């Protein structure tokens, strides 16, 4: 990836991020880029319409281990898909409803490879990256468990969930 000098591939941070800035950094100095696919995940109330609601979410991780895990997953994406570069930003700390949590952005010559690689990276992040989420609700705090549907999404790439 030619833009490594301008931006790291992985950033775990408390600060918010700006999509246009991150895409510009990812595309910089690589005239081959013909497609960029991005995904942004936000804090949402998964219990909307029920008696419970989420007032905040706190995300924790193991510094160093988290970045290493995501870097390895990005290396796997570069081997599986015809992509030029990727960027993952994942926020930690206390977040509020509608706050951005995660950005995955991928560049390639054509959209198909970018879409596939972006989805692959998100499926990995949802199931394998060492993050822990705690939701605050009117009933108290609760840790968020992995979902069977997330494990199934990862399995379609030929990867068994290890969580």
N, C-alpha and C. Protein backbone atom coordinates (compact mmCIF):
# COMPACT_ATOMS: atom_id res chain seq x y z
N UNK A 1 0.85 -1.18 0.00
CA UNK A 1 0.00 0.00 0.00
C UNK A 1 0.89 1.23 0.00
N UNK A 2 0.67 2.10 -0.94
CA UNK A 2 1.55 3.24 -1.13
C UNK A 2 1.34 4.38 -0.13
N UNK A 3 0.21 4.42 0.54
CA UNK A 3 -0.08 5.56 1.41
C UNK A 3 0.27 5.29 2.87
N UNK A 4 1.06 4.29 3.15
CA UNK A 4 1.37 3.97 4.54
C UNK A 4 2.07 5.11 5.27
N UNK A 5 2.84 5.93 4.56
CA UNK A 5 3.55 7.02 5.21
C UNK A 5 2.60 8.11 5.68
N UNK A 6 1.42 8.21 5.08
CA UNK A 6 0.52 9.31 5.42
C UNK A 6 -0.54 8.93 6.45
N UNK A 7 -0.81 7.65 6.62
CA UNK A 7 -1.88 7.25 7.52
C UNK A 7 -1.70 5.79 7.91
N UNK A 8 -1.83 5.47 9.21
CA UNK A 8 -1.73 4.06 9.59
C UNK A 8 -2.95 3.29 9.10
N UNK A 9 -2.80 1.98 8.94
CA UNK A 9 -3.93 1.17 8.49
C UNK A 9 -4.97 1.00 9.59
N UNK A 10 -4.54 0.97 10.84
CA UNK A 10 -5.44 0.72 11.96
C UNK A 10 -5.28 1.83 13.00
N UNK A 11 -6.41 2.32 13.48
CA UNK A 11 -6.40 3.30 14.55
C UNK A 11 -7.49 2.96 15.55
N UNK A 12 -7.10 2.79 16.80
CA UNK A 12 -8.04 2.59 17.89
C UNK A 12 -8.00 3.90 18.68
N UNK A 13 -9.13 4.56 18.79
CA UNK A 13 -9.11 5.92 19.34
C UNK A 13 -10.42 6.27 20.03
N UNK A 14 -10.35 7.27 20.90
CA UNK A 14 -11.56 7.77 21.54
C UNK A 14 -12.21 8.86 20.69
N UNK A 15 -11.41 9.58 19.92
CA UNK A 15 -11.92 10.70 19.12
C UNK A 15 -12.76 10.22 17.95
N UNK A 16 -13.70 11.05 17.53
CA UNK A 16 -14.51 10.77 16.36
C UNK A 16 -13.64 10.87 15.11
N UNK A 17 -14.17 10.46 13.98
CA UNK A 17 -13.44 10.52 12.71
C UNK A 17 -14.33 11.14 11.65
N UNK A 18 -13.70 11.61 10.58
CA UNK A 18 -14.40 12.23 9.46
C UNK A 18 -14.19 11.37 8.22
N UNK A 19 -15.27 10.87 7.64
CA UNK A 19 -15.19 9.97 6.49
C UNK A 19 -14.43 10.59 5.33
N UNK A 20 -14.74 11.82 4.96
CA UNK A 20 -14.09 12.42 3.80
C UNK A 20 -12.58 12.57 4.01
N UNK A 21 -12.16 12.92 5.22
CA UNK A 21 -10.73 13.03 5.52
C UNK A 21 -10.05 11.68 5.41
N UNK A 22 -10.68 10.66 5.99
CA UNK A 22 -10.07 9.32 5.97
C UNK A 22 -9.98 8.75 4.57
N UNK A 23 -11.01 8.95 3.76
CA UNK A 23 -10.97 8.46 2.38
C UNK A 23 -9.91 9.21 1.58
N UNK A 24 -9.81 10.50 1.79
CA UNK A 24 -8.78 11.28 1.08
C UNK A 24 -7.38 10.78 1.43
N UNK A 25 -7.14 10.49 2.71
CA UNK A 25 -5.84 9.95 3.11
C UNK A 25 -5.58 8.59 2.49
N UNK A 26 -6.61 7.76 2.44
CA UNK A 26 -6.46 6.42 1.87
C UNK A 26 -6.18 6.46 0.38
N UNK A 27 -6.80 7.41 -0.32
CA UNK A 27 -6.63 7.52 -1.77
C UNK A 27 -5.35 8.26 -2.15
N UNK A 28 -4.80 9.02 -1.24
CA UNK A 28 -3.65 9.87 -1.55
C UNK A 28 -2.49 9.06 -2.11
N UNK A 29 -1.86 9.60 -3.11
CA UNK A 29 -0.64 9.04 -3.69
C UNK A 29 -0.84 7.66 -4.32
N UNK A 30 -2.07 7.31 -4.68
CA UNK A 30 -2.30 6.04 -5.36
C UNK A 30 -3.24 6.27 -6.54
N UNK A 31 -2.68 6.62 -7.69
CA UNK A 31 -3.51 6.94 -8.85
C UNK A 31 -4.25 5.72 -9.43
N UNK A 32 -3.97 4.52 -8.95
CA UNK A 32 -4.65 3.33 -9.45
C UNK A 32 -6.07 3.20 -8.93
N UNK A 33 -6.40 3.89 -7.85
CA UNK A 33 -7.69 3.72 -7.19
C UNK A 33 -8.82 4.14 -8.13
N UNK A 34 -9.72 3.20 -8.36
CA UNK A 34 -10.91 3.46 -9.16
C UNK A 34 -12.18 3.31 -8.34
N UNK A 35 -12.04 2.71 -7.15
CA UNK A 35 -13.21 2.48 -6.30
C UNK A 35 -12.82 2.57 -4.83
N UNK A 36 -13.74 3.11 -4.05
CA UNK A 36 -13.59 3.14 -2.59
C UNK A 36 -14.92 2.67 -2.02
N UNK A 37 -14.87 1.69 -1.16
CA UNK A 37 -16.05 1.24 -0.44
C UNK A 37 -15.82 1.52 1.03
N UNK A 38 -16.85 2.02 1.69
CA UNK A 38 -16.70 2.29 3.12
C UNK A 38 -17.93 1.85 3.88
N UNK A 39 -17.71 1.56 5.14
CA UNK A 39 -18.78 1.20 6.06
C UNK A 39 -18.54 1.98 7.34
N UNK A 40 -19.60 2.58 7.86
CA UNK A 40 -19.55 3.24 9.16
C UNK A 40 -20.62 2.62 10.04
N UNK A 41 -20.21 2.13 11.20
CA UNK A 41 -21.15 1.60 12.18
C UNK A 41 -21.39 2.64 13.25
N UNK A 42 -22.62 2.72 13.73
CA UNK A 42 -22.99 3.72 14.73
C UNK A 42 -23.64 3.05 15.94
N UNK A 43 -23.65 3.77 17.05
CA UNK A 43 -24.35 3.31 18.24
C UNK A 43 -25.84 3.45 17.96
N UNK A 44 -26.55 2.34 18.11
CA UNK A 44 -27.99 2.38 17.90
C UNK A 44 -28.68 1.64 19.04
N UNK A 45 -29.93 1.92 19.15
CA UNK A 45 -30.73 1.26 20.17
C UNK A 45 -31.34 0.01 19.56
N UNK A 46 -30.70 -1.15 19.79
CA UNK A 46 -31.19 -2.41 19.23
C UNK A 46 -32.50 -2.84 19.86
N UNK A 47 -32.89 -2.17 20.94
CA UNK A 47 -34.12 -2.54 21.64
C UNK A 47 -35.25 -1.57 21.32
N UNK A 48 -35.09 -0.73 20.31
CA UNK A 48 -36.13 0.25 19.97
C UNK A 48 -37.47 -0.47 19.79
N UNK A 49 -38.51 0.09 20.38
CA UNK A 49 -39.83 -0.51 20.31
C UNK A 49 -40.10 -1.50 21.44
N UNK A 50 -39.08 -1.73 22.29
CA UNK A 50 -39.29 -2.61 23.44
C UNK A 50 -39.21 -1.76 24.70
N UNK A 51 -39.32 -2.38 25.84
CA UNK A 51 -39.31 -1.63 27.10
C UNK A 51 -37.93 -1.09 27.47
N UNK A 52 -36.86 -1.71 26.94
CA UNK A 52 -35.51 -1.26 27.27
C UNK A 52 -34.98 -0.30 26.23
N UNK A 53 -34.06 0.55 26.61
CA UNK A 53 -33.41 1.43 25.65
C UNK A 53 -31.96 1.61 26.08
N UNK A 54 -31.13 1.97 25.12
CA UNK A 54 -29.70 2.12 25.38
C UNK A 54 -29.39 3.61 25.52
N UNK A 55 -28.87 3.99 26.67
CA UNK A 55 -28.52 5.40 26.87
C UNK A 55 -27.07 5.68 26.52
N UNK A 56 -26.20 4.65 26.56
CA UNK A 56 -24.81 4.81 26.15
C UNK A 56 -24.19 3.43 25.96
N UNK A 57 -23.01 3.43 25.34
CA UNK A 57 -22.26 2.20 25.15
C UNK A 57 -20.80 2.49 25.46
N UNK A 58 -20.19 1.58 26.20
CA UNK A 58 -18.77 1.72 26.50
C UNK A 58 -18.02 0.57 25.84
N UNK A 59 -16.97 0.91 25.11
CA UNK A 59 -16.16 -0.09 24.43
C UNK A 59 -14.78 -0.14 25.04
N UNK A 60 -14.33 -1.37 25.31
CA UNK A 60 -13.00 -1.61 25.86
C UNK A 60 -12.23 -2.51 24.92
N UNK A 61 -10.89 -2.48 25.05
CA UNK A 61 -10.04 -3.34 24.22
C UNK A 61 -8.71 -3.55 24.92
N UNK A 62 -7.90 -4.46 24.36
CA UNK A 62 -6.53 -4.66 24.84
C UNK A 62 -5.59 -3.91 23.91
N UNK A 63 -5.03 -2.77 24.34
CA UNK A 63 -4.10 -2.03 23.49
C UNK A 63 -2.94 -2.92 23.03
N UNK A 64 -2.57 -2.77 21.79
CA UNK A 64 -1.50 -3.58 21.20
C UNK A 64 -2.03 -4.87 20.62
N UNK A 65 -2.73 -5.64 21.42
CA UNK A 65 -3.32 -6.89 20.93
C UNK A 65 -4.41 -6.62 19.90
N UNK A 66 -5.22 -5.61 20.14
CA UNK A 66 -6.31 -5.29 19.22
C UNK A 66 -5.76 -4.87 17.86
N UNK A 67 -4.80 -3.96 17.87
CA UNK A 67 -4.21 -3.49 16.60
C UNK A 67 -3.55 -4.64 15.85
N UNK A 68 -2.83 -5.49 16.57
CA UNK A 68 -2.15 -6.62 15.93
C UNK A 68 -3.17 -7.57 15.28
N UNK A 69 -4.25 -7.83 15.97
CA UNK A 69 -5.30 -8.70 15.45
C UNK A 69 -5.92 -8.12 14.18
N UNK A 70 -6.22 -6.83 14.19
CA UNK A 70 -6.83 -6.19 13.01
C UNK A 70 -5.83 -6.11 11.86
N UNK A 71 -4.58 -5.83 12.16
CA UNK A 71 -3.55 -5.81 11.10
C UNK A 71 -3.46 -7.17 10.41
N UNK A 72 -3.51 -8.26 11.18
CA UNK A 72 -3.45 -9.61 10.60
C UNK A 72 -4.66 -9.86 9.71
N UNK A 73 -5.82 -9.40 10.14
CA UNK A 73 -7.03 -9.55 9.34
C UNK A 73 -6.94 -8.73 8.05
N UNK A 74 -6.35 -7.56 8.13
CA UNK A 74 -6.18 -6.74 6.93
C UNK A 74 -5.20 -7.40 5.95
N UNK A 75 -4.14 -8.02 6.48
CA UNK A 75 -3.22 -8.77 5.62
C UNK A 75 -3.96 -9.89 4.90
N UNK A 76 -4.86 -10.57 5.61
CA UNK A 76 -5.66 -11.64 5.00
C UNK A 76 -6.55 -11.08 3.89
N UNK A 77 -7.13 -9.91 4.10
CA UNK A 77 -7.98 -9.28 3.08
C UNK A 77 -7.16 -8.94 1.84
N UNK A 78 -5.94 -8.45 2.04
CA UNK A 78 -5.08 -8.12 0.90
C UNK A 78 -4.73 -9.36 0.09
N UNK A 79 -4.64 -10.51 0.73
CA UNK A 79 -4.34 -11.76 0.02
C UNK A 79 -5.58 -12.31 -0.68
N UNK A 80 -6.75 -12.15 -0.08
CA UNK A 80 -8.00 -12.71 -0.62
C UNK A 80 -8.59 -11.90 -1.76
N UNK A 81 -8.42 -10.59 -1.71
CA UNK A 81 -9.11 -9.70 -2.64
C UNK A 81 -8.10 -8.82 -3.38
N UNK A 82 -8.47 -8.41 -4.57
CA UNK A 82 -7.62 -7.55 -5.39
C UNK A 82 -7.86 -6.10 -4.98
N UNK A 83 -7.31 -5.73 -3.81
CA UNK A 83 -7.48 -4.38 -3.28
C UNK A 83 -6.12 -3.70 -3.16
N UNK A 84 -6.16 -2.38 -3.10
CA UNK A 84 -4.92 -1.61 -2.97
C UNK A 84 -4.63 -1.21 -1.53
N UNK A 85 -5.66 -0.89 -0.79
CA UNK A 85 -5.43 -0.43 0.57
C UNK A 85 -6.68 -0.54 1.40
N UNK A 86 -6.51 -0.42 2.70
CA UNK A 86 -7.64 -0.47 3.63
C UNK A 86 -7.30 0.36 4.86
N UNK A 87 -8.33 0.81 5.51
CA UNK A 87 -8.20 1.60 6.73
C UNK A 87 -9.31 1.19 7.68
N UNK A 88 -8.96 0.91 8.93
CA UNK A 88 -9.94 0.60 9.97
C UNK A 88 -9.71 1.56 11.13
N UNK A 89 -10.77 2.24 11.51
CA UNK A 89 -10.77 3.06 12.72
C UNK A 89 -11.85 2.49 13.61
N UNK A 90 -11.49 2.22 14.85
CA UNK A 90 -12.48 1.73 15.81
C UNK A 90 -12.37 2.58 17.06
N UNK A 91 -13.49 3.12 17.48
CA UNK A 91 -13.50 3.95 18.67
C UNK A 91 -13.68 3.11 19.92
N UNK A 92 -13.14 3.60 21.01
CA UNK A 92 -13.30 3.00 22.32
C UNK A 92 -13.70 4.09 23.30
N UNK A 93 -14.11 3.68 24.48
CA UNK A 93 -14.53 4.64 25.49
C UNK A 93 -16.05 4.74 25.51
N UNK A 94 -16.54 5.80 26.11
CA UNK A 94 -17.98 6.01 26.27
C UNK A 94 -18.56 6.68 25.03
N UNK A 95 -19.56 6.04 24.42
CA UNK A 95 -20.22 6.56 23.23
C UNK A 95 -21.71 6.70 23.48
N UNK A 96 -22.31 7.63 22.77
CA UNK A 96 -23.74 7.92 22.91
C UNK A 96 -24.49 7.43 21.67
N UNK A 97 -25.82 7.26 21.77
CA UNK A 97 -26.60 6.89 20.59
C UNK A 97 -26.31 7.84 19.42
N UNK A 98 -26.19 7.27 18.25
CA UNK A 98 -25.88 7.92 16.98
C UNK A 98 -24.39 8.23 16.78
N UNK A 99 -23.55 8.06 17.80
CA UNK A 99 -22.11 8.25 17.63
C UNK A 99 -21.57 7.21 16.66
N UNK A 100 -20.55 7.60 15.92
CA UNK A 100 -19.85 6.65 15.06
C UNK A 100 -18.97 5.75 15.91
N UNK A 101 -18.97 4.44 15.59
CA UNK A 101 -18.12 3.49 16.31
C UNK A 101 -16.95 3.05 15.46
N UNK A 102 -17.24 2.67 14.22
CA UNK A 102 -16.22 2.03 13.39
C UNK A 102 -16.29 2.52 11.95
N UNK A 103 -15.12 2.61 11.35
CA UNK A 103 -15.00 2.89 9.91
C UNK A 103 -14.13 1.81 9.30
N UNK A 104 -14.62 1.24 8.21
CA UNK A 104 -13.82 0.37 7.37
C UNK A 104 -13.87 0.98 5.97
N UNK A 105 -12.72 1.26 5.39
CA UNK A 105 -12.65 1.81 4.04
C UNK A 105 -11.63 1.00 3.24
N UNK A 106 -11.98 0.69 2.00
CA UNK A 106 -11.14 -0.16 1.16
C UNK A 106 -11.06 0.44 -0.23
N UNK A 107 -9.85 0.42 -0.82
CA UNK A 107 -9.66 0.90 -2.19
C UNK A 107 -9.27 -0.25 -3.10
N UNK A 108 -9.68 -0.11 -4.36
CA UNK A 108 -9.34 -1.09 -5.38
C UNK A 108 -9.53 -0.45 -6.75
N UNK A 109 -9.27 -1.22 -7.79
CA UNK A 109 -9.48 -0.72 -9.15
C UNK A 109 -10.97 -0.67 -9.48
N UNK A 110 -11.71 -1.68 -8.99
CA UNK A 110 -13.13 -1.80 -9.31
C UNK A 110 -13.95 -2.06 -8.05
N UNK A 111 -15.21 -1.70 -8.07
CA UNK A 111 -16.05 -1.73 -6.87
C UNK A 111 -16.25 -3.12 -6.28
N UNK A 112 -16.33 -4.14 -7.10
CA UNK A 112 -16.63 -5.48 -6.60
C UNK A 112 -15.66 -5.95 -5.53
N UNK A 113 -14.37 -5.79 -5.79
CA UNK A 113 -13.36 -6.21 -4.83
C UNK A 113 -13.42 -5.38 -3.56
N UNK A 114 -13.67 -4.08 -3.71
CA UNK A 114 -13.78 -3.21 -2.53
C UNK A 114 -14.97 -3.60 -1.67
N UNK A 115 -16.12 -3.86 -2.31
CA UNK A 115 -17.30 -4.28 -1.55
C UNK A 115 -17.03 -5.56 -0.78
N UNK A 116 -16.48 -6.57 -1.46
CA UNK A 116 -16.23 -7.85 -0.81
C UNK A 116 -15.25 -7.71 0.35
N UNK A 117 -14.16 -6.99 0.12
CA UNK A 117 -13.15 -6.82 1.17
C UNK A 117 -13.70 -6.04 2.36
N UNK A 118 -14.51 -5.03 2.10
CA UNK A 118 -15.11 -4.24 3.18
C UNK A 118 -16.02 -5.13 4.02
N UNK A 119 -16.82 -5.95 3.37
CA UNK A 119 -17.72 -6.84 4.10
C UNK A 119 -16.94 -7.90 4.88
N UNK A 120 -15.90 -8.43 4.28
CA UNK A 120 -15.03 -9.40 4.96
C UNK A 120 -14.43 -8.79 6.23
N UNK A 121 -13.91 -7.58 6.11
CA UNK A 121 -13.29 -6.92 7.26
C UNK A 121 -14.31 -6.65 8.37
N UNK A 122 -15.52 -6.22 8.01
CA UNK A 122 -16.54 -5.98 9.02
C UNK A 122 -16.97 -7.27 9.70
N UNK A 123 -17.13 -8.34 8.92
CA UNK A 123 -17.51 -9.63 9.52
C UNK A 123 -16.45 -10.07 10.52
N UNK A 124 -15.20 -9.86 10.19
CA UNK A 124 -14.12 -10.21 11.11
C UNK A 124 -14.19 -9.35 12.37
N UNK A 125 -14.32 -8.04 12.17
CA UNK A 125 -14.35 -7.12 13.32
C UNK A 125 -15.48 -7.46 14.29
N UNK A 126 -16.65 -7.80 13.76
CA UNK A 126 -17.81 -8.09 14.60
C UNK A 126 -17.62 -9.33 15.47
N UNK A 127 -16.77 -10.26 15.02
CA UNK A 127 -16.69 -11.53 15.72
C UNK A 127 -15.33 -11.83 16.34
N UNK A 128 -14.26 -11.33 15.77
CA UNK A 128 -12.93 -11.78 16.17
C UNK A 128 -12.05 -10.71 16.81
N UNK A 129 -12.30 -9.45 16.53
CA UNK A 129 -11.46 -8.40 17.11
C UNK A 129 -11.73 -8.31 18.61
N UNK A 130 -10.68 -8.15 19.41
CA UNK A 130 -10.85 -8.15 20.87
C UNK A 130 -11.38 -6.83 21.42
N UNK A 131 -12.69 -6.65 21.25
CA UNK A 131 -13.41 -5.51 21.82
C UNK A 131 -14.50 -6.05 22.73
N UNK A 132 -14.81 -5.30 23.78
CA UNK A 132 -15.90 -5.65 24.67
C UNK A 132 -16.81 -4.44 24.77
N UNK A 133 -18.12 -4.71 24.62
CA UNK A 133 -19.12 -3.64 24.62
C UNK A 133 -20.05 -3.80 25.81
N UNK A 134 -20.25 -2.70 26.53
CA UNK A 134 -21.18 -2.68 27.65
C UNK A 134 -22.22 -1.60 27.38
N UNK A 135 -23.49 -2.00 27.36
CA UNK A 135 -24.58 -1.05 27.14
C UNK A 135 -25.18 -0.62 28.47
N UNK A 136 -25.52 0.66 28.55
CA UNK A 136 -26.23 1.19 29.72
C UNK A 136 -27.71 1.30 29.34
N UNK A 137 -28.57 0.69 30.15
CA UNK A 137 -30.01 0.71 29.92
C UNK A 137 -30.70 1.15 31.20
N UNK A 138 -31.99 1.44 31.14
CA UNK A 138 -32.72 1.79 32.38
C UNK A 138 -32.67 0.67 33.42
N UNK A 139 -32.48 -0.58 32.96
CA UNK A 139 -32.41 -1.72 33.88
C UNK A 139 -30.99 -1.92 34.42
N UNK A 140 -30.03 -1.15 33.95
CA UNK A 140 -28.64 -1.29 34.38
C UNK A 140 -27.72 -1.62 33.22
N UNK A 141 -26.47 -1.88 33.55
CA UNK A 141 -25.47 -2.18 32.53
C UNK A 141 -25.53 -3.65 32.12
N UNK A 142 -25.21 -3.93 30.85
CA UNK A 142 -25.14 -5.31 30.37
C UNK A 142 -24.07 -5.41 29.30
N UNK A 143 -23.31 -6.50 29.36
CA UNK A 143 -22.30 -6.77 28.35
C UNK A 143 -22.99 -7.34 27.12
N UNK A 144 -22.54 -6.95 25.94
CA UNK A 144 -23.13 -7.40 24.68
C UNK A 144 -22.43 -8.68 24.25
N UNK A 145 -23.21 -9.73 24.06
CA UNK A 145 -22.68 -11.01 23.60
C UNK A 145 -22.62 -11.05 22.09
N UNK A 146 -21.72 -11.89 21.56
CA UNK A 146 -21.65 -12.12 20.12
C UNK A 146 -22.96 -12.76 19.67
N UNK A 147 -23.37 -12.44 18.45
CA UNK A 147 -24.60 -13.00 17.91
C UNK A 147 -24.30 -14.16 16.98
N UNK A 148 -25.18 -15.12 16.94
CA UNK A 148 -25.04 -16.27 16.05
C UNK A 148 -24.98 -15.80 14.59
N UNK A 149 -25.76 -14.77 14.25
CA UNK A 149 -25.77 -14.27 12.87
C UNK A 149 -24.41 -13.69 12.48
N UNK A 150 -23.69 -13.10 13.43
CA UNK A 150 -22.35 -12.58 13.13
C UNK A 150 -21.38 -13.72 12.87
N UNK A 151 -21.46 -14.79 13.66
CA UNK A 151 -20.61 -15.96 13.44
C UNK A 151 -20.89 -16.59 12.09
N UNK A 152 -22.18 -16.64 11.70
CA UNK A 152 -22.55 -17.21 10.40
C UNK A 152 -22.00 -16.36 9.27
N UNK A 153 -21.99 -15.05 9.43
CA UNK A 153 -21.45 -14.16 8.40
C UNK A 153 -19.95 -14.42 8.21
N UNK A 154 -19.24 -14.64 9.30
CA UNK A 154 -17.81 -14.94 9.22
C UNK A 154 -17.57 -16.31 8.58
N UNK A 155 -18.43 -17.26 8.88
CA UNK A 155 -18.26 -18.62 8.38
C UNK A 155 -18.34 -18.69 6.85
N UNK A 156 -19.08 -17.79 6.24
CA UNK A 156 -19.18 -17.84 4.77
C UNK A 156 -17.87 -17.50 4.09
N UNK A 157 -16.93 -16.93 4.84
CA UNK A 157 -15.58 -16.65 4.31
C UNK A 157 -14.64 -17.82 4.61
N UNK A 158 -15.17 -18.87 5.22
CA UNK A 158 -14.35 -20.03 5.54
C UNK A 158 -13.58 -19.88 6.83
N UNK A 159 -14.04 -18.98 7.71
CA UNK A 159 -13.36 -18.74 8.99
C UNK A 159 -14.30 -19.14 10.12
N UNK A 160 -13.84 -19.99 11.00
CA UNK A 160 -14.64 -20.39 12.16
C UNK A 160 -14.43 -19.37 13.27
N UNK A 161 -15.52 -18.97 13.88
CA UNK A 161 -15.45 -18.01 14.99
C UNK A 161 -14.72 -18.64 16.17
N UNK A 162 -13.85 -17.86 16.78
CA UNK A 162 -13.09 -18.36 17.92
C UNK A 162 -13.52 -17.71 19.22
N UNK A 163 -14.67 -17.04 19.21
CA UNK A 163 -15.13 -16.35 20.42
C UNK A 163 -15.98 -17.25 21.27
